Protein backbone atom coordinates (compact mmCIF):
# COMPACT_ATOMS: atom_id res chain seq x y z
CA MET A 1 116.10 85.26 106.51
CA ARG A 2 117.88 88.44 105.41
CA ILE A 3 120.10 88.63 102.34
CA ILE A 4 122.54 91.26 101.16
CA LEU A 5 121.03 93.29 98.37
CA ALA A 6 123.22 93.11 95.28
CA LEU A 7 121.49 95.41 92.80
CA GLY A 8 124.26 98.01 92.71
CA GLY A 9 123.97 101.76 92.28
CA ASP A 10 121.97 103.41 95.06
CA CYS A 11 120.81 100.03 96.40
CA VAL A 12 122.43 99.47 99.78
CA GLY A 13 121.55 97.53 102.91
CA MET A 14 119.90 94.23 103.61
CA ILE A 15 116.40 93.05 102.67
CA SER A 16 114.39 89.83 102.86
CA ARG A 17 113.97 87.52 99.87
CA ALA A 18 110.26 88.27 99.49
CA PRO A 19 108.77 91.76 99.33
CA ASP A 20 107.42 93.20 102.58
CA PHE A 21 104.44 94.74 100.77
CA GLN A 22 102.85 94.53 97.35
CA LEU A 23 100.64 97.23 95.86
CA THR A 24 98.47 96.83 92.77
CA TYR A 25 98.04 100.39 91.58
CA ASP A 26 95.76 102.07 89.03
CA ALA A 27 97.61 105.20 87.91
CA GLY A 28 95.95 108.57 87.59
CA SER A 29 97.35 112.08 87.45
CA LEU A 30 98.84 112.15 90.98
CA PRO A 31 102.37 111.20 92.03
CA LEU A 32 102.89 108.03 94.07
CA THR A 33 105.22 108.11 97.07
CA PHE A 34 106.56 105.27 99.19
CA GLY A 35 108.35 106.14 102.41
CA VAL A 36 109.54 104.66 105.68
CA THR A 37 109.80 106.06 109.18
CA ALA A 38 112.04 104.06 111.49
CA ASP A 39 114.13 104.33 114.64
CA THR A 40 117.07 102.73 112.80
CA ASP A 41 118.71 103.56 109.46
CA ALA A 42 116.20 102.04 107.03
CA THR A 43 116.43 101.55 103.28
CA LEU A 44 113.69 101.23 100.69
CA VAL A 45 113.63 99.12 97.51
CA VAL A 46 110.81 99.18 94.96
CA ASN A 47 110.43 96.98 91.90
CA ALA A 48 108.09 98.94 89.64
CA PRO A 49 105.57 97.50 87.14
CA ASP A 50 108.08 97.97 84.28
CA GLY A 51 110.61 95.72 86.09
CA ARG A 52 112.99 98.56 86.97
CA TRP A 53 114.46 98.75 90.49
CA TYR A 54 114.41 101.93 92.58
CA CYS A 55 116.35 102.28 95.82
CA ASP A 56 116.77 104.93 98.48
CA ASP A 57 118.53 105.37 101.79
CA ASP A 58 117.96 108.85 103.25
CA SER A 59 115.78 111.03 100.94
CA GLY A 60 112.88 111.15 103.41
CA GLY A 61 114.85 113.16 105.97
CA GLY A 62 117.38 112.00 108.54
CA THR A 63 117.92 108.30 107.94
CA ASP A 64 114.45 107.65 106.50
CA PRO A 65 114.07 106.60 102.84
CA GLU A 66 111.49 107.88 100.37
CA ILE A 67 110.82 107.22 96.68
CA THR A 68 108.39 109.28 94.59
CA PHE A 69 107.13 108.33 91.15
CA ARG A 70 106.07 111.60 89.49
CA ARG A 71 104.28 109.72 86.68
CA PRO A 72 103.51 106.32 88.19
CA GLN A 73 102.55 103.37 86.04
CA SER A 74 99.59 101.11 86.62
CA GLY A 75 100.49 97.64 87.82
CA VAL A 76 102.19 95.82 90.68
CA TYR A 77 104.79 97.50 92.89
CA ASP A 78 106.86 95.17 95.09
CA ILE A 79 108.30 96.97 98.13
CA TRP A 80 111.07 95.97 100.53
CA VAL A 81 111.97 97.83 103.73
CA GLY A 82 115.57 97.07 104.59
CA ALA A 83 118.24 97.93 107.11
CA TYR A 84 121.32 99.89 106.06
CA ASP A 85 123.78 98.21 108.39
CA GLY A 86 121.81 95.06 109.19
CA ASP A 87 120.40 96.42 112.46
CA GLY A 88 116.68 95.72 112.22
CA GLY A 89 114.04 97.51 114.21
CA GLU A 90 110.51 98.83 114.08
CA ALA A 91 109.63 100.56 110.80
CA GLU A 92 106.46 101.93 109.26
CA LEU A 93 105.87 102.00 105.52
CA PHE A 94 103.61 104.70 104.11
CA VAL A 95 102.12 105.02 100.63
CA THR A 96 100.52 108.28 99.51
CA GLU A 97 99.37 110.28 96.51
CA LEU A 98 99.47 113.51 98.50
CA ARG A 99 102.04 116.03 97.35
């Protein structure tokens, strides 16, 4: 079941109730980036270990979202891959520490 995201600000699109992916991360000195490549207009929502919400629509180029934490925290990151206009499709989430 999809719901309309109602977090405000840069958070747009539709996501599921439960996260699509959960990462338990041990922070070091490298940045942490989450991104999505998709054939449709995807969105990305991350709930960071401190409880703050981060959202993106098109920062990864074209209609692909990307969120980078320059100084990531250790802990659990909950990640949702959403659809901007509700049109779902194939999407690939990537997580990297590479710059």
